[in-house]
Amino acid sequence: MKAKIVLLAAALAAGMASVHAADKAPAHWEYKGKAGTSHWGDLEPDFAACKQGKAQSPIDIRGAKTGAPAPIGFEYTATHADIVNNGHTVQVNLPEGGLVHLASGDYKLVQMHFHTPSEEKINGKRYPLVAHLVHKNADGELAVVAVLFKQGKENTALKSVFADLPAHAGDHHPVTGELDLQALIPAEHSYYAYMGSLTTPPCSEGVHWQVMKEPVDISKAQLAAFRKLYHMNARPVQPLNGRVVEVAG
């Protein structure tokens, strides 16, 4: 009887340990310092791709080949949105933002977030800001459309977003009015296409990337509003490792 009790206690302890492991929050990460980009892959096993992956993002886009990528079919719709400061960037959650048609299928727009400077480089050049529009298909695969910003006129498509950015990590609120990201997409739909990864831990690969060639405007004041919260939140460019970058349009 005593042996059975000991075994039961051990089983319960093991069960509790597995529960705690499942509930364990991901490791804290940053862009600089001991938890910065060069250490992401060592912070926990789930982040191993950040160090060991061979198809990582972002990249420096050079010598793109004219290829077969089909034009992107944008079907974004006006929707109410929630904006959150997640401690690494400002993210806009889009419950009914529409979708894009890619050669690999249809992907629903899920959220948009920002990096300064742009994580992507084009022939060695970074832009002041980039928006990553994240999409997901029915199988859970991800596709990102990257829209680059150059300093210029006020970006009216994002006026309500930049007018009321959540100031502290964890802060969130609804965006005033409806947000229609169709107005954010540059008039020229040419883009660079390649296979890459998430640019933040766990750096998962298999992400379809579409980087729009034509930048859009953002005002000095809008850029300053974001940089007041995040002065730098861009991962360094990663090795191409033989991947082909194609340009469409």
C-alpha atoms as a PDB file:
ATOM      1  CA  MET A   1       0.000   0.000   0.000  1.00  0.00           C
ATOM      2  CA  LYS A   2       2.812   2.362   0.920  1.00  0.00           C
ATOM      3  CA  ALA A   3       4.542   1.608  -2.380  1.00  0.00           C
ATOM      4  CA  LYS A   4       1.345   2.418  -4.292  1.00  0.00           C
ATOM      5  CA  ILE A   5       1.027   5.757  -2.479  1.00  0.00           C
ATOM      6  CA  VAL A   6       4.625   6.618  -3.325  1.00  0.00           C
ATOM      7  CA  LEU A   7       4.039   5.745  -6.989  1.00  0.00           C
ATOM      8  CA  LEU A   8       0.826   7.785  -7.055  1.00  0.00           C
ATOM      9  CA  ALA A   9       2.577  10.782  -5.518  1.00  0.00           C
ATOM     10  CA  ALA A  10       5.360  10.502  -8.092  1.00  0.00           C
ATOM     11  CA  ALA A  11       2.833  10.330 -10.919  1.00  0.00           C
ATOM     12  CA  LEU A  12       1.001  13.387  -9.604  1.00  0.00           C
ATOM     13  CA  ALA A  13       4.268  15.283  -9.283  1.00  0.00           C
ATOM     14  CA  ALA A  14       5.201  14.384 -12.850  1.00  0.00           C
ATOM     15  CA  GLY A  15       1.783  15.450 -14.046  1.00  0.00           C
ATOM     16  CA  MET A  16       2.043  18.805 -12.277  1.00  0.00           C
ATOM     17  CA  ALA A  17       5.512  19.294 -13.734  1.00  0.00           C
ATOM     18  CA  SER A  18       4.199  18.744 -17.246  1.00  0.00           C
ATOM     19  CA  VAL A  19       1.355  21.208 -16.614  1.00  0.00           C
ATOM     20  CA  HIS A  20       3.797  23.845 -15.397  1.00  0.00           C
ATOM     21  CA  ALA A  21       6.017  23.186 -18.417  1.00  0.00           C
ATOM     22  CA  ALA A  22       3.051  23.609 -20.753  1.00  0.00           C
ATOM     23  CA  ASP A  23       2.079  26.850 -19.018  1.00  0.00           C
ATOM     24  CA  LYS A  24       5.624  28.195 -19.043  1.00  0.00           C
ATOM     25  CA  ALA A  25       5.824  31.541 -20.830  1.00  0.00           C
ATOM     26  CA  PRO A  26       8.294  31.902 -23.704  1.00  0.00           C
ATOM     27  CA  ALA A  27      11.683  33.288 -22.766  1.00  0.00           C
ATOM     28  CA  HIS A  28      12.041  37.051 -22.577  1.00  0.00           C
ATOM     29  CA  TRP A  29      13.763  38.491 -25.655  1.00  0.00           C
ATOM     30  CA  GLU A  30      14.866  41.919 -26.812  1.00  0.00           C
ATOM     31  CA  TYR A  31      16.701  43.514 -29.711  1.00  0.00           C
ATOM     32  CA  LYS A  32      19.864  44.398 -27.795  1.00  0.00           C
ATOM     33  CA  GLY A  33      21.817  43.118 -24.805  1.00  0.00           C
ATOM     34  CA  LYS A  34      21.948  39.665 -23.245  1.00  0.00           C
ATOM     35  CA  ALA A  35      18.540  38.751 -24.668  1.00  0.00           C
ATOM     36  CA  GLY A  36      19.217  40.515 -27.972  1.00  0.00           C
ATOM     37  CA  THR A  37      19.103  39.247 -31.547  1.00  0.00           C
ATOM     38  CA  SER A  38      22.468  37.450 -31.456  1.00  0.00           C
ATOM     39  CA  HIS A  39      21.313  35.404 -28.440  1.00  0.00           C
ATOM     40  CA  TRP A  40      17.738  34.506 -29.459  1.00  0.00           C
ATOM     41  CA  GLY A  41      18.619  30.975 -30.516  1.00  0.00           C
ATOM     42  CA  ASP A  42      20.149  30.226 -27.099  1.00  0.00           C
ATOM     43  CA  LEU A  43      17.299  31.548 -24.941  1.00  0.00           C
ATOM     44  CA  GLU A  44      15.207  28.373 -25.130  1.00  0.00           C
ATOM     45  CA  PRO A  45      14.919  25.237 -27.314  1.00  0.00           C
ATOM     46  CA  ASP A  46      11.827  26.533 -29.128  1.00  0.00           C
ATOM     47  CA  PHE A  47      13.916  29.440 -30.452  1.00  0.00           C
ATOM     48  CA  ALA A  48      16.547  27.169 -32.051  1.00  0.00           C
ATOM     49  CA  ALA A  49      15.581  28.193 -35.600  1.00  0.00           C
ATOM     50  CA  CYS A  50      16.761  31.751 -34.834  1.00  0.00           C
ATOM     51  CA  LYS A  51      20.295  30.312 -34.713  1.00  0.00           C
ATOM     52  CA  GLN A  52      20.166  27.147 -36.783  1.00  0.00           C
ATOM     53  CA  GLY A  53      17.648  28.024 -39.495  1.00  0.00           C
ATOM     54  CA  LYS A  54      18.855  28.305 -43.090  1.00  0.00           C
ATOM     55  CA  ALA A  55      15.894  30.271 -44.490  1.00  0.00           C
ATOM     56  CA  GLN A  56      15.655  33.180 -42.079  1.00  0.00           C
ATOM     57  CA  SER A  57      14.234  36.684 -42.454  1.00  0.00           C
ATOM     58  CA  PRO A  58      14.795  39.551 -42.999  1.00  0.00           C
ATOM     59  CA  ILE A  59      17.211  39.677 -45.916  1.00  0.00           C
ATOM     60  CA  ASP A  60      19.090  42.220 -48.009  1.00  0.00           C
ATOM     61  CA  ILE A  61      17.385  42.002 -51.399  1.00  0.00           C
ATOM     62  CA  ARG A  62      19.980  42.196 -54.179  1.00  0.00           C
ATOM     63  CA  GLY A  63      20.032  40.876 -57.716  1.00  0.00           C
ATOM     64  CA  ALA A  64      16.435  39.658 -57.686  1.00  0.00           C
ATOM     65  CA  LYS A  65      15.551  37.536 -60.688  1.00  0.00           C
ATOM     66  CA  THR A  66      12.582  38.250 -62.911  1.00  0.00           C
ATOM     67  CA  GLY A  67      10.487  35.207 -62.228  1.00  0.00           C
ATOM     68  CA  ALA A  68       7.064  33.727 -62.320  1.00  0.00           C
ATOM     69  CA  PRO A  69       5.323  35.208 -59.261  1.00  0.00           C
ATOM     70  CA  ALA A  70       1.747  36.092 -60.137  1.00  0.00           C
ATOM     71  CA  PRO A  71       0.382  39.539 -59.278  1.00  0.00           C
ATOM     72  CA  ILE A  72      -0.943  39.797 -55.733  1.00  0.00           C
ATOM     73  CA  GLY A  73      -4.715  39.991 -55.632  1.00  0.00           C
ATOM     74  CA  PHE A  74      -5.582  42.375 -52.810  1.00  0.00           C
ATOM     75  CA  GLU A  75      -9.109  42.103 -51.437  1.00  0.00           C
ATOM     76  CA  TYR A  76      -8.866  44.066 -48.209  1.00  0.00           C
ATOM     77  CA  THR A  77     -12.053  45.320 -46.609  1.00  0.00           C
ATOM     78  CA  ALA A  78     -12.802  48.072 -44.122  1.00  0.00           C
ATOM     79  CA  THR A  79     -12.989  46.667 -40.596  1.00  0.00           C
ATOM     80  CA  HIS A  80     -12.949  47.649 -36.967  1.00  0.00           C
ATOM     81  CA  ALA A  81      -9.572  46.943 -35.425  1.00  0.00           C
ATOM     82  CA  ASP A  82      -7.843  46.723 -32.069  1.00  0.00           C
ATOM     83  CA  ILE A  83      -4.383  48.148 -31.481  1.00  0.00           C
ATOM     84  CA  VAL A  84      -1.995  46.775 -28.839  1.00  0.00           C
ATOM     85  CA  ASN A  85       1.486  47.573 -27.589  1.00  0.00           C
ATOM     86  CA  ASN A  86       2.859  44.055 -27.144  1.00  0.00           C
ATOM     87  CA  GLY A  87       6.205  45.050 -25.667  1.00  0.00           C
ATOM     88  CA  HIS A  88       8.104  44.563 -28.935  1.00  0.00           C
ATOM     89  CA  THR A  89       6.057  46.627 -31.395  1.00  0.00           C
ATOM     90  CA  VAL A  90       2.636  48.125 -32.006  1.00  0.00           C
ATOM     91  CA  GLN A  91       0.275  45.554 -33.504  1.00  0.00           C
ATOM     92  CA  VAL A  92      -3.096  46.147 -35.137  1.00  0.00           C
ATOM     93  CA  ASN A  93      -5.417  43.126 -34.969  1.00  0.00           C
ATOM     94  CA  LEU A  94      -7.798  42.903 -37.917  1.00  0.00           C
ATOM     95  CA  PRO A  95     -10.714  40.510 -37.350  1.00  0.00           C
ATOM     96  CA  GLU A  96     -12.305  41.007 -40.787  1.00  0.00           C
ATOM     97  CA  GLY A  97      -9.655  42.751 -42.866  1.00  0.00           C
ATOM     98  CA  GLY A  98     -10.091  40.741 -46.048  1.00  0.00           C
ATOM     99  CA  LEU A  99      -7.542  38.583 -47.854  1.00  0.00           C
ATOM    100  CA  VAL A 100      -4.881  38.307 -50.535  1.00  0.00           C
ATOM    101  CA  HIS A 101      -4.688  35.919 -53.465  1.00  0.00           C
ATOM    102  CA  LEU A 102      -1.199  34.483 -54.017  1.00  0.00           C
ATOM    103  CA  ALA A 103       0.092  31.794 -56.352  1.00  0.00           C
ATOM    104  CA  SER A 104       0.096  29.450 -53.345  1.00  0.00           C
ATOM    105  CA  GLY A 105      -3.545  30.208 -52.506  1.00  0.00           C
ATOM    106  CA  ASP A 106      -5.703  32.585 -50.484  1.00  0.00           C
ATOM    107  CA  TYR A 107      -4.541  34.035 -47.178  1.00  0.00           C
ATOM    108  CA  LYS A 108      -6.689  35.922 -44.681  1.00  0.00           C
ATOM    109  CA  LEU A 109      -5.326  39.167 -43.249  1.00  0.00           C
ATOM    110  CA  VAL A 110      -4.858  38.685 -39.506  1.00  0.00           C
ATOM    111  CA  GLN A 111      -2.750  41.540 -38.170  1.00  0.00           C
ATOM    112  CA  MET A 112      -0.284  44.292 -39.012  1.00  0.00           C
ATOM    113  CA  HIS A 113       2.742  45.509 -37.045  1.00  0.00           C
ATOM    114  CA  PHE A 114       5.683  47.859 -37.497  1.00  0.00           C
ATOM    115  CA  HIS A 115       9.489  47.849 -37.359  1.00  0.00           C
ATOM    116  CA  THR A 116      11.888  50.791 -37.370  1.00  0.00           C
ATOM    117  CA  PRO A 117      14.059  50.955 -39.304  1.00  0.00           C
ATOM    118  CA  SER A 118      12.769  48.570 -41.955  1.00  0.00           C
ATOM    119  CA  GLU A 119      14.012  45.055 -41.304  1.00  0.00           C
ATOM    120  CA  GLU A 120      14.377  44.444 -45.037  1.00  0.00           C
ATOM    121  CA  LYS A 121      17.171  46.061 -46.995  1.00  0.00           C
ATOM    122  CA  ILE A 122      16.905  46.786 -50.726  1.00  0.00           C
ATOM    123  CA  ASN A 123      20.379  46.811 -52.264  1.00  0.00           C
ATOM    124  CA  GLY A 124      21.804  47.593 -48.841  1.00  0.00           C
ATOM    125  CA  LYS A 125      19.335  50.387 -48.052  1.00  0.00           C
ATOM    126  CA  ARG A 126      16.972  50.422 -45.094  1.00  0.00           C
ATOM    127  CA  TYR A 127      13.836  52.563 -44.977  1.00  0.00           C
ATOM    128  CA  PRO A 128      12.676  54.484 -41.874  1.00  0.00           C
ATOM    129  CA  LEU A 129       9.762  52.110 -41.198  1.00  0.00           C
ATOM    130  CA  VAL A 130       8.061  48.999 -42.504  1.00  0.00           C
ATOM    131  CA  ALA A 131       4.615  47.532 -41.932  1.00  0.00           C
ATOM    132  CA  HIS A 132       4.325  43.751 -41.959  1.00  0.00           C
ATOM    133  CA  LEU A 133       0.827  42.630 -42.919  1.00  0.00           C
ATOM    134  CA  VAL A 134       0.496  39.066 -41.651  1.00  0.00           C
ATOM    135  CA  HIS A 135      -1.852  36.597 -43.354  1.00  0.00           C
ATOM    136  CA  LYS A 136      -2.784  32.987 -42.666  1.00  0.00           C
ATOM    137  CA  ASN A 137      -4.384  30.343 -44.900  1.00  0.00           C
ATOM    138  CA  ALA A 138      -6.737  27.509 -43.993  1.00  0.00           C
ATOM    139  CA  ASP A 139      -3.776  25.197 -43.294  1.00  0.00           C
ATOM    140  CA  GLY A 140      -2.166  27.659 -40.902  1.00  0.00           C
ATOM    141  CA  GLU A 141       0.605  28.701 -43.311  1.00  0.00           C
ATOM    142  CA  LEU A 142       1.721  32.317 -43.104  1.00  0.00           C
ATOM    143  CA  ALA A 143       2.261  34.954 -45.784  1.00  0.00           C
ATOM    144  CA  VAL A 144       3.565  38.443 -45.090  1.00  0.00           C
ATOM    145  CA  VAL A 145       3.205  41.532 -47.271  1.00  0.00           C
ATOM    146  CA  ALA A 146       5.826  44.125 -46.334  1.00  0.00           C
ATOM    147  CA  VAL A 147       5.071  47.789 -47.089  1.00  0.00           C
ATOM    148  CA  LEU A 148       8.068  50.116 -46.845  1.00  0.00           C
ATOM    149  CA  PHE A 149       7.752  53.757 -45.779  1.00  0.00           C
ATOM    150  CA  LYS A 150       9.719  56.820 -46.822  1.00  0.00           C
ATOM    151  CA  GLN A 151       9.452  60.120 -44.967  1.00  0.00           C
ATOM    152  CA  GLY A 152       7.100  62.502 -46.732  1.00  0.00           C
ATOM    153  CA  LYS A 153       3.419  63.355 -46.485  1.00  0.00           C
ATOM    154  CA  GLU A 154       1.094  62.159 -43.742  1.00  0.00           C
ATOM    155  CA  ASN A 155      -0.104  58.617 -44.324  1.00  0.00           C
ATOM    156  CA  THR A 156      -3.866  59.076 -44.291  1.00  0.00           C
ATOM    157  CA  ALA A 157      -4.599  55.326 -44.409  1.00  0.00           C
ATOM    158  CA  LEU A 158      -2.940  54.972 -40.994  1.00  0.00           C
ATOM    159  CA  LYS A 159      -3.908  58.355 -39.543  1.00  0.00           C
ATOM    160  CA  SER A 160      -6.147  56.863 -36.855  1.00  0.00           C
ATOM    161  CA  VAL A 161      -3.462  54.325 -35.889  1.00  0.00           C
ATOM    162  CA  PHE A 162      -0.591  56.766 -35.422  1.00  0.00           C
ATOM    163  CA  ALA A 163      -2.789  59.397 -33.786  1.00  0.00           C
ATOM    164  CA  ASP A 164      -3.358  57.184 -30.735  1.00  0.00           C
ATOM    165  CA  LEU A 165      -0.560  54.652 -30.283  1.00  0.00           C
ATOM    166  CA  PRO A 166      -0.776  52.702 -26.972  1.00  0.00           C
ATOM    167  CA  ALA A 167       2.021  54.095 -24.833  1.00  0.00           C
ATOM    168  CA  HIS A 168       2.967  51.141 -22.619  1.00  0.00           C
ATOM    169  CA  ALA A 169       3.462  47.413 -23.048  1.00  0.00           C
ATOM    170  CA  GLY A 170       0.115  45.701 -22.512  1.00  0.00           C
ATOM    171  CA  ASP A 171      -1.944  48.783 -23.374  1.00  0.00           C
ATOM    172  CA  HIS A 172      -4.625  48.250 -26.009  1.00  0.00           C
ATOM    173  CA  HIS A 173      -7.759  49.936 -27.328  1.00  0.00           C
ATOM    174  CA  PRO A 174      -9.995  49.986 -30.412  1.00  0.00           C
ATOM    175  CA  VAL A 175      -8.869  51.994 -33.425  1.00  0.00           C
ATOM    176  CA  THR A 176     -11.154  54.951 -34.045  1.00  0.00           C
ATOM    177  CA  GLY A 177     -13.432  54.238 -36.987  1.00  0.00           C
ATOM    178  CA  GLU A 178     -12.885  51.544 -39.589  1.00  0.00           C
ATOM    179  CA  LEU A 179      -9.482  50.710 -41.021  1.00  0.00           C
ATOM    180  CA  ASP A 180      -9.157  49.878 -44.722  1.00  0.00           C
ATOM    181  CA  LEU A 181      -5.657  48.734 -45.598  1.00  0.00           C
ATOM    182  CA  GLN A 182      -6.452  48.691 -49.305  1.00  0.00           C
ATOM    183  CA  ALA A 183      -5.518  52.396 -49.138  1.00  0.00           C
ATOM    184  CA  LEU A 184      -2.114  51.530 -47.645  1.00  0.00           C
ATOM    185  CA  ILE A 185      -0.949  49.394 -50.575  1.00  0.00           C
ATOM    186  CA  PRO A 186       1.189  51.315 -53.097  1.00  0.00           C
ATOM    187  CA  ALA A 187      -0.353  52.022 -56.468  1.00  0.00           C
ATOM    188  CA  GLU A 188       2.382  49.998 -58.172  1.00  0.00           C
ATOM    189  CA  HIS A 189       1.993  46.368 -57.149  1.00  0.00           C
ATOM    190  CA  SER A 190       5.476  45.140 -58.118  1.00  0.00           C
ATOM    191  CA  TYR A 191       7.063  43.073 -55.363  1.00  0.00           C
ATOM    192  CA  TYR A 192       9.946  40.836 -54.346  1.00  0.00           C
ATOM    193  CA  ALA A 193       9.067  37.254 -53.395  1.00  0.00           C
ATOM    194  CA  TYR A 194      11.031  34.728 -51.389  1.00  0.00           C
ATOM    195  CA  MET A 195      10.612  32.046 -48.726  1.00  0.00           C
ATOM    196  CA  GLY A 196      11.693  33.029 -45.245  1.00  0.00           C
ATOM    197  CA  SER A 197      10.738  33.046 -41.586  1.00  0.00           C
ATOM    198  CA  LEU A 198       9.212  35.030 -38.791  1.00  0.00           C
ATOM    199  CA  THR A 199      11.559  37.884 -37.893  1.00  0.00           C
ATOM    200  CA  THR A 200      10.959  37.435 -34.165  1.00  0.00           C
ATOM    201  CA  PRO A 201      11.286  34.356 -31.921  1.00  0.00           C
ATOM    202  CA  PRO A 202      10.643  31.507 -32.512  1.00  0.00           C
ATOM    203  CA  CYS A 203      11.834  32.470 -36.044  1.00  0.00           C
ATOM    204  CA  SER A 204       9.703  29.711 -37.613  1.00  0.00           C
ATOM    205  CA  GLU A 205      10.425  29.097 -41.296  1.00  0.00           C
ATOM    206  CA  GLY A 206       8.098  28.385 -44.218  1.00  0.00           C
ATOM    207  CA  VAL A 207       6.741  31.954 -44.422  1.00  0.00           C
ATOM    208  CA  HIS A 208       5.836  33.340 -47.867  1.00  0.00           C
ATOM    209  CA  TRP A 209       7.295  36.855 -48.135  1.00  0.00           C
ATOM    210  CA  GLN A 210       6.133  39.591 -50.505  1.00  0.00           C
ATOM    211  CA  VAL A 211       8.055  42.875 -50.169  1.00  0.00           C
ATOM    212  CA  MET A 212       6.439  45.713 -52.105  1.00  0.00           C
ATOM    213  CA  LYS A 213       8.963  47.538 -54.289  1.00  0.00           C
ATOM    214  CA  GLU A 214       7.365  50.977 -54.127  1.00  0.00           C
ATOM    215  CA  PRO A 215       7.537  52.714 -50.727  1.00  0.00           C
ATOM    216  CA  VAL A 216       4.667  54.828 -49.434  1.00  0.00           C
ATOM    217  CA  ASP A 217       4.775  58.093 -47.495  1.00  0.00           C
ATOM    218  CA  ILE A 218       4.751  58.605 -43.766  1.00  0.00           C
ATOM    219  CA  SER A 219       5.100  61.987 -42.087  1.00  0.00           C
ATOM    220  CA  LYS A 220       7.912  63.041 -39.789  1.00  0.00           C
ATOM    221  CA  ALA A 221       5.383  63.396 -36.957  1.00  0.00           C
ATOM    222  CA  GLN A 222       3.936  59.911 -37.498  1.00  0.00           C
ATOM    223  CA  LEU A 223       7.403  58.387 -37.570  1.00  0.00           C
ATOM    224  CA  ALA A 224       8.367  60.272 -34.407  1.00  0.00           C
ATOM    225  CA  ALA A 225       5.242  59.014 -32.635  1.00  0.00           C
ATOM    226  CA  PHE A 226       6.267  55.410 -33.242  1.00  0.00           C
ATOM    227  CA  ARG A 227       9.942  55.972 -32.456  1.00  0.00           C
ATOM    228  CA  LYS A 228       8.957  57.525 -29.155  1.00  0.00           C
ATOM    229  CA  LEU A 229       7.785  54.030 -28.182  1.00  0.00           C
ATOM    230  CA  TYR A 230      10.291  51.924 -30.141  1.00  0.00           C
ATOM    231  CA  HIS A 231      13.451  53.647 -31.290  1.00  0.00           C
ATOM    232  CA  MET A 232      14.791  50.431 -32.859  1.00  0.00           C
ATOM    233  CA  ASN A 233      13.019  47.092 -33.221  1.00  0.00           C
ATOM    234  CA  ALA A 234      14.555  45.553 -36.326  1.00  0.00           C
ATOM    235  CA  ARG A 235      16.320  42.216 -36.590  1.00  0.00           C
ATOM    236  CA  PRO A 236      19.589  42.278 -38.594  1.00  0.00           C
ATOM    237  CA  VAL A 237      19.473  40.837 -42.109  1.00  0.00           C
ATOM    238  CA  GLN A 238      20.114  37.106 -42.375  1.00  0.00           C
ATOM    239  CA  PRO A 239      22.167  35.038 -44.874  1.00  0.00           C
ATOM    240  CA  LEU A 240      20.376  34.139 -48.086  1.00  0.00           C
ATOM    241  CA  ASN A 241      21.932  30.635 -48.127  1.00  0.00           C
ATOM    242  CA  GLY A 242      21.222  30.062 -51.794  1.00  0.00           C
ATOM    243  CA  ARG A 243      17.588  31.120 -51.773  1.00  0.00           C
ATOM    244  CA  VAL A 244      16.244  32.760 -54.918  1.00  0.00           C
ATOM    245  CA  VAL A 245      14.505  36.118 -54.680  1.00  0.00           C
ATOM    246  CA  GLU A 246      12.135  36.781 -57.571  1.00  0.00           C
ATOM    247  CA  VAL A 247      10.654  40.078 -58.659  1.00  0.00           C
ATOM    248  CA  ALA A 248       7.174  40.378 -60.135  1.00  0.00           C
ATOM    249  CA  GLY A 249       6.035  43.361 -62.167  1.00  0.00           C
END
